[in-house]
Protein backbone atom coordinates (compact mmCIF):
# COMPACT_ATOMS: atom_id res chain seq x y z
CA UNK A 1 100.89 117.43 115.70
CA UNK A 2 101.84 114.70 116.89
CA UNK A 3 104.83 112.79 114.78
CA UNK A 4 104.43 108.60 114.46
CA UNK A 5 105.99 106.32 112.68
CA UNK A 6 104.65 103.14 110.86
CA UNK A 7 105.43 99.33 112.39
CA UNK A 8 104.04 96.66 111.39
CA UNK A 9 104.70 94.33 114.80
CA UNK A 10 107.64 92.63 116.02
CA UNK A 11 107.15 89.36 113.55
CA UNK A 12 106.52 91.42 110.53
CA UNK A 13 109.03 94.20 110.94
CA UNK A 14 112.82 94.35 110.64
CA UNK A 15 113.06 97.72 112.73
CA UNK A 16 112.86 96.93 116.54
CA UNK A 17 110.57 99.55 118.95
CA UNK A 18 113.91 100.66 120.42
CA UNK A 19 115.42 101.89 117.25
CA UNK A 20 111.86 104.29 116.68
CA UNK A 21 111.95 105.29 120.03
CA UNK A 22 115.50 107.17 119.27
CA UNK A 23 113.89 109.06 116.48
CA UNK A 24 113.87 112.99 117.67
CA UNK A 25 110.75 113.62 118.36
CA UNK A 26 108.39 110.54 116.95
CA UNK A 27 105.83 110.10 119.93
CA UNK A 28 104.30 106.74 119.26
CA UNK A 29 103.79 103.97 116.52
CA UNK A 30 101.16 103.23 113.68
CA UNK A 31 100.59 99.83 113.56
CA UNK A 32 98.22 96.63 113.30
CA UNK A 33 97.93 93.16 113.33
CA UNK A 34 98.77 91.73 110.41
CA UNK A 35 98.03 87.98 111.20
CA UNK A 36 94.32 88.70 111.20
CA UNK A 37 92.77 87.87 108.05
CA UNK A 38 90.07 90.57 106.28
CA UNK A 39 86.86 90.58 107.84
CA UNK A 40 87.73 89.17 111.70
CA UNK A 41 87.56 90.73 114.64
CA UNK A 42 90.55 91.59 116.29
CA UNK A 43 90.59 90.21 119.45
CA UNK A 44 91.06 92.31 122.71
CA UNK A 45 93.61 90.38 124.47
CA UNK A 46 96.33 90.27 121.10
CA UNK A 47 95.66 94.73 121.30
CA UNK A 48 95.72 94.88 124.51
CA UNK A 49 99.36 92.83 124.28
CA UNK A 50 100.22 95.23 121.70
CA UNK A 51 99.25 98.07 123.34
CA UNK A 52 101.83 96.52 126.35
CA UNK A 53 104.16 96.22 123.90
CA UNK A 54 104.72 99.14 122.27
CA UNK A 55 104.28 101.49 125.66
CA UNK A 56 106.88 98.97 127.58
CA UNK A 57 109.35 100.25 124.43
CA UNK A 58 108.59 104.71 126.06
CA UNK A 59 105.92 104.58 122.82
CA UNK A 60 102.23 105.38 122.38
CA UNK A 61 99.88 103.82 120.29
CA UNK A 62 96.80 105.97 119.24
CA UNK A 63 96.78 105.27 115.69
CA UNK A 64 95.80 101.71 113.63
CA UNK A 65 96.77 100.94 109.93
CA UNK A 66 94.59 99.61 108.87
CA UNK A 67 91.49 97.77 109.94
CA UNK A 68 91.13 96.75 106.20
CA UNK A 69 87.49 96.45 104.32
CA UNK A 70 85.82 93.18 103.53
CA UNK A 71 85.62 92.94 99.94
CA UNK A 72 81.94 91.82 100.35
CA UNK A 73 81.42 95.21 102.08
CA UNK A 74 82.74 97.33 98.84
CA UNK A 75 80.76 95.18 96.52
CA UNK A 76 77.91 95.33 98.42
CA UNK A 77 76.89 91.81 98.75
CA UNK A 78 74.58 90.63 101.04
CA UNK A 79 77.14 89.27 103.31
CA UNK A 80 78.28 92.83 104.01
CA UNK A 81 76.56 92.97 107.36
CA UNK A 82 78.17 90.35 109.16
CA UNK A 83 82.03 91.61 108.00
CA UNK A 84 80.35 95.19 109.19
CA UNK A 85 79.38 93.77 112.53
CA UNK A 86 82.89 92.24 113.13
CA UNK A 87 84.04 95.68 112.07
CA UNK A 88 82.51 97.14 114.52
CA UNK A 89 83.41 94.97 117.59
CA UNK A 90 86.88 95.53 115.92
CA UNK A 91 86.42 99.14 117.18
CA UNK A 92 84.82 98.55 120.52
CA UNK A 93 88.24 96.51 120.98
CA UNK A 94 90.35 99.20 119.98
CA UNK A 95 88.64 101.75 122.13
CA UNK A 96 89.48 99.93 124.94
CA UNK A 97 93.24 100.36 124.65
CA UNK A 98 93.17 104.05 123.79
CA UNK A 99 92.98 104.11 119.95
CA UNK A 100 92.10 107.41 118.80
CA UNK A 101 92.03 107.23 114.95
CA UNK A 102 91.51 104.14 112.37
CA UNK A 103 92.98 104.80 108.78
CA UNK A 104 91.66 102.39 106.44
CA UNK A 105 90.53 102.74 102.73
CA UNK A 106 87.72 101.60 99.98
CA UNK A 107 90.57 100.72 97.01
CA UNK A 108 88.66 97.63 95.46
CA UNK A 109 91.32 94.49 95.31
CA UNK A 110 94.42 96.62 95.54
CA UNK A 111 95.29 99.04 97.78
CA UNK A 112 98.15 100.49 95.89
CA UNK A 113 100.13 99.78 92.56
CA UNK A 114 103.97 99.73 91.44
CA UNK A 115 105.52 98.95 88.52
CA UNK A 116 108.61 98.72 90.48
CA UNK A 117 109.90 98.26 93.73
CA UNK A 118 112.94 99.05 93.86
CA UNK A 119 114.08 101.23 91.13
CA UNK A 120 118.00 102.36 91.05
CA UNK A 121 118.30 106.04 91.58
CA UNK A 122 121.63 107.99 90.76
CA UNK A 123 122.75 108.41 94.12
CA UNK A 124 122.91 104.49 94.91
CA UNK A 125 119.47 104.36 96.56
CA UNK A 126 116.65 102.45 95.66
CA UNK A 127 113.08 103.59 95.35
CA UNK A 128 109.61 102.33 94.57
CA UNK A 129 108.15 103.60 91.12
CA UNK A 130 104.97 103.75 88.90
CA UNK A 131 104.92 103.67 85.20
CA UNK A 132 101.58 104.23 83.73
CA UNK A 133 101.93 102.52 80.42
CA UNK A 134 103.77 99.05 82.39
CA UNK A 135 100.61 98.65 84.38
CA UNK A 136 98.07 99.27 81.53
CA UNK A 137 99.62 96.22 80.01
CA UNK A 138 100.33 94.09 82.44
CA UNK A 139 97.62 91.31 83.46
CA UNK A 140 96.76 92.02 87.37
CA UNK A 141 97.77 88.52 88.32
CA UNK A 142 101.10 88.90 86.42
CA UNK A 143 101.59 92.29 88.46
CA UNK A 144 100.58 90.73 91.55
CA UNK A 145 103.39 88.06 90.45
CA UNK A 146 106.06 90.65 90.48
CA UNK A 147 105.56 92.67 93.11
CA UNK A 148 105.54 89.05 95.29
CA UNK A 149 108.94 88.28 93.23
CA UNK A 150 110.37 91.89 94.58
CA UNK A 151 108.99 91.95 97.81
CA UNK A 152 112.21 90.49 99.62
CA UNK A 153 110.27 88.13 101.79
CA UNK A 154 108.11 90.98 103.15
CA UNK A 155 104.12 90.70 103.41
CA UNK A 156 103.26 94.01 101.85
CA UNK A 157 100.49 96.10 102.88
CA UNK A 158 97.48 95.78 100.32
CA UNK A 159 99.24 92.66 98.79
CA UNK A 160 98.36 90.11 101.30
CA UNK A 161 98.96 86.80 99.91
CA UNK A 162 95.33 85.55 100.54
CA UNK A 163 94.07 88.80 98.41
CA UNK A 164 96.76 88.01 95.66
CA UNK A 165 95.42 84.27 95.36
CA UNK A 166 91.65 85.51 94.47
CA UNK A 167 92.50 88.67 92.44
CA UNK A 168 91.24 87.38 89.26
CA UNK A 169 88.08 86.39 90.50
CA UNK A 170 87.33 89.26 92.29
CA UNK A 171 88.21 91.55 89.74
CA UNK A 172 85.87 90.15 87.57
CA UNK A 173 83.33 91.01 90.31
CA UNK A 174 83.52 94.55 89.68
CA UNK A 175 82.70 94.25 86.27
CA UNK A 176 78.74 94.53 87.54
CA UNK A 177 79.57 97.31 90.08
CA UNK A 178 79.27 100.95 88.51
CA UNK A 179 80.86 103.72 90.01
CA UNK A 180 77.24 105.24 91.63
CA UNK A 181 76.83 102.08 92.98
CA UNK A 182 80.29 101.91 94.31
CA UNK A 183 79.51 105.43 96.13
CA UNK A 184 76.42 103.78 97.60
CA UNK A 185 78.43 100.98 98.92
CA UNK A 186 80.86 103.58 100.80
CA UNK A 187 77.64 105.28 101.98
CA UNK A 188 75.87 102.10 103.56
CA UNK A 189 79.23 101.24 105.63
CA UNK A 190 79.62 104.83 106.69
CA UNK A 191 76.04 105.25 107.81
CA UNK A 192 76.68 101.88 109.39
CA UNK A 193 79.78 102.26 111.55
CA UNK A 194 79.93 105.91 112.41
CA UNK A 195 77.72 106.05 114.90
CA UNK A 196 79.87 103.50 116.62
CA UNK A 197 82.83 105.55 115.86
CA UNK A 198 81.09 108.47 117.74
CA UNK A 199 79.96 105.88 120.54
CA UNK A 200 83.71 104.68 121.00
CA UNK A 201 85.25 108.06 120.26
CA UNK A 202 87.43 106.90 117.31
CA UNK A 203 87.53 108.85 114.14
CA UNK A 204 87.64 107.17 111.12
CA UNK A 205 90.00 108.32 108.34
CA UNK A 206 89.80 106.90 104.42
CA UNK A 207 93.21 106.65 102.61
CA UNK A 208 93.34 108.18 99.18
CA UNK A 209 93.60 105.94 96.19
CA UNK A 210 97.06 105.31 95.11
CA UNK A 211 97.51 106.32 92.14
CA UNK A 212 94.54 108.51 92.11
CA UNK A 213 93.03 107.07 88.61
CA UNK A 214 91.62 104.05 87.53
CA UNK A 215 93.07 100.83 86.65
CA UNK A 216 92.16 97.36 85.39
CA UNK A 217 88.84 98.64 85.12
CA UNK A 218 88.47 98.89 88.89
CA UNK A 219 86.31 102.00 90.54
CA UNK A 220 89.03 104.55 92.11
CA UNK A 221 87.00 107.08 93.87
CA UNK A 222 88.96 108.97 96.80
CA UNK A 223 91.39 110.67 94.14
CA UNK A 224 91.00 114.58 93.83
CA UNK A 225 88.95 117.59 95.99
CA UNK A 226 85.62 117.39 94.38
CA UNK A 227 85.63 113.20 95.31
CA UNK A 228 86.74 113.95 98.87
CA UNK A 229 83.96 116.76 99.43
CA UNK A 230 81.33 114.55 97.81
CA UNK A 231 82.88 111.53 100.48
CA UNK A 232 82.33 113.46 103.28
CA UNK A 233 79.22 115.09 102.62
CA UNK A 234 78.16 111.34 102.62
CA UNK A 235 77.96 111.30 106.52
CA UNK A 236 79.11 114.51 107.84
CA UNK A 237 79.82 113.61 110.85
CA UNK A 238 83.48 114.90 112.42
CA UNK A 239 84.03 111.21 113.02
CA UNK A 240 84.20 110.63 109.18
CA UNK A 241 87.41 112.05 108.06
CA UNK A 242 90.33 111.88 105.84
CA UNK A 243 94.11 110.35 105.83
CA UNK A 244 95.47 113.07 103.49
CA UNK A 245 98.14 111.35 101.58
CA UNK A 246 100.62 113.56 99.87
CA UNK A 247 102.15 110.59 97.73
CA UNK A 248 98.90 109.44 96.73
CA UNK A 249 96.98 112.52 95.95
CA UNK A 250 100.12 114.53 94.81
CA UNK A 251 100.52 111.83 92.11
CA UNK A 252 97.75 113.88 90.02
CA UNK A 253 99.50 116.78 88.98
CA UNK A 254 96.29 118.66 89.09
CA UNK A 255 95.78 118.21 92.54
CA UNK A 256 96.30 121.22 94.29
CA UNK A 257 97.84 119.80 97.92
CA UNK A 258 97.91 123.26 99.84
CA UNK A 259 94.55 124.03 98.87
CA UNK A 260 93.18 120.65 99.55
CA UNK A 261 94.81 120.74 103.12
CA UNK A 262 93.46 124.08 103.60
CA UNK A 263 89.83 123.20 102.81
CA UNK A 264 89.69 120.14 104.80
CA UNK A 265 91.83 120.01 107.73
CA UNK A 266 90.42 123.37 108.11
CA UNK A 267 87.00 122.16 108.92
CA UNK A 268 88.92 119.19 110.93
CA UNK A 269 88.19 116.70 108.61
CA UNK A 270 91.50 115.85 108.77
CA UNK A 271 92.61 112.94 111.25
CA UNK A 272 96.35 111.76 110.00
CA UNK A 273 98.64 112.53 107.44
CA UNK A 274 101.20 110.88 105.50
CA UNK A 275 103.42 112.84 104.32
CA UNK A 276 106.26 111.66 101.47
CA UNK A 277 107.74 113.78 97.85
CA UNK A 278 107.74 111.72 94.38
CA UNK A 279 109.67 112.98 91.55
CA UNK A 280 107.48 113.27 88.20
CA UNK A 281 109.41 111.56 85.10
CA UNK A 282 106.15 112.70 82.80
CA UNK A 283 102.50 113.36 83.27
CA UNK A 284 101.63 109.75 85.26
CA UNK A 285 104.99 108.12 85.73
CA UNK A 286 106.77 108.46 88.98
CA UNK A 287 109.38 107.62 91.65
CA UNK A 288 109.27 108.39 95.33
CA UNK A 289 112.15 110.47 96.10
CA UNK A 290 113.43 111.51 99.44
CA UNK A 291 111.17 114.07 101.22
CA UNK A 292 113.25 117.28 100.74
CA UNK A 293 111.55 119.79 98.50
CA UNK A 294 114.03 120.14 96.04
CA UNK A 295 114.75 116.03 95.41
CA UNK A 296 110.73 115.70 94.36
CA UNK A 297 108.32 117.54 92.76
CA UNK A 298 106.26 118.58 95.97
CA UNK A 299 106.85 121.72 97.78
CA UNK A 300 106.92 120.33 101.13
CA UNK A 301 107.18 123.73 102.66
CA UNK A 302 104.05 124.64 101.40
CA UNK A 303 102.53 121.70 102.41
CA UNK A 304 103.68 121.45 105.93
CA UNK A 305 102.70 125.12 106.47
CA UNK A 306 98.65 124.37 105.27
CA UNK A 307 98.60 121.95 108.11
CA UNK A 308 100.35 124.56 110.45
CA UNK A 309 98.16 127.49 109.27
CA UNK A 310 94.70 125.55 109.74
CA UNK A 311 95.85 124.49 113.43
CA UNK A 312 95.66 120.52 112.78
CA UNK A 313 96.69 119.20 115.96
CA UNK A 314 96.48 115.04 114.30
CA UNK A 315 99.00 112.57 113.89
CA UNK A 316 101.38 112.79 110.88
CA UNK A 317 103.68 110.12 109.98
CA UNK A 318 107.00 110.24 107.21
CA UNK A 319 105.12 108.47 104.33
CA UNK A 320 107.57 105.34 102.10
CA UNK A 321 111.10 106.38 102.31
CA UNK A 322 114.02 105.12 99.65
CA UNK A 323 116.41 102.71 100.52
CA UNK A 324 119.68 104.04 101.69
CA UNK A 325 122.92 103.31 103.19
CA UNK A 326 122.74 99.33 102.07
CA UNK A 327 119.34 99.01 104.28
CA UNK A 328 117.24 96.10 103.05
CA UNK A 329 113.89 95.58 104.06
CA UNK A 330 110.08 96.28 103.41
CA UNK A 331 109.68 97.97 100.11
CA UNK A 332 109.11 102.03 101.12
CA UNK A 333 109.61 100.97 104.80
CA UNK A 334 113.23 101.21 105.89
CA UNK A 335 114.05 102.93 109.01
CA UNK A 336 116.85 105.20 107.67
CA UNK A 337 115.44 107.34 104.93
CA UNK A 338 111.62 107.73 107.14
CA UNK A 339 113.54 108.76 109.95
CA UNK A 340 114.95 111.55 107.83
CA UNK A 341 111.90 112.53 106.42
CA UNK A 342 110.47 112.89 110.18
CA UNK A 343 113.41 114.91 111.57
CA UNK A 344 112.87 117.29 107.95
CA UNK A 345 109.22 117.67 108.78
CA UNK A 346 109.68 118.59 112.23
CA UNK A 347 112.03 121.29 111.32
CA UNK A 348 109.71 123.07 108.55
CA UNK A 349 107.04 122.95 111.40
CA UNK A 350 109.42 124.41 113.67
CA UNK A 351 110.54 126.86 111.52
CA UNK A 352 106.95 127.77 110.62
CA UNK A 353 106.16 127.87 113.95
CA UNK A 354 108.94 130.41 114.79
CA UNK A 355 108.20 132.27 111.88
CA UNK A 356 104.62 132.54 112.81
CA UNK A 357 105.04 133.81 116.28
CA UNK A 358 107.93 136.40 115.53
CA UNK A 359 105.59 138.28 112.87
CA UNK A 360 102.53 137.96 114.59
CA UNK A 361 104.38 139.74 117.48
């Protein structure tokens, strides 16, 4: 596997690349162009400059997160083909700088939802948290305002200002979309872009819905083992794959993460992994804990072992971290706790590797 680290670009991330370069074992960054509006082509000169900037700091860039899907594609609007064409052109440009994986999602309107971005924990750190009843009872536009107030001035992925302005209007459009139609819209997108993914040798890796259940009456479909199977069967190309996010899928206690990993990674359909831990406060309330198993509710040893046992050779990044040591920054994306997560995950991997080789002698 390759250990990578999320970085939002020089203008949007307070963490400099030379700090990331110093995290042991991290070979590259997962990045994006935050200022390109959804649905527009990422210019070749911009992605070339991005690659040079990263490589000048001794790091690789082989994964992009995210080339977002325009809402008209998700809704199946008549205009979707022009946005799909733009997506394909962006893929072509990214292929010219050696991108191997694009992480994206098909979540309607909201990429993720949290009730709190800086929940205080007993050790003095803060973290993102989800309270189900709170989300059920808040108006979406009010939630958007709350997220903006807690963002610390940082633009959050999935909560971009242009998206928030039209949130209520777009949610209204989804009232006419059944889950069956939504699946058809996903297949239309896949069948349009996968041939080009194969041509440009870029694997597409869909991110699960976060949280993995419906909110605000919107369809949420990448939520569990059965729906992942249904998604992968929509287009059986190995270029149609998964970003396996342990935090997103793990928020549903019924999801057996090691089993899901073994099934889909074993088939070569997991191209990217986000590994994080979370702590349940009840069935649907949780906060994002430190990565260490005993700090949360997920068994990180069994998660990492499942990837190892299936011969996973893709990319792993430590996902959302707490804010520790008086750090301030983008919620979930501070330097220190994610760096600890990266070294912890690699420590598990090394131990599993050495145990495996010892017992196989």
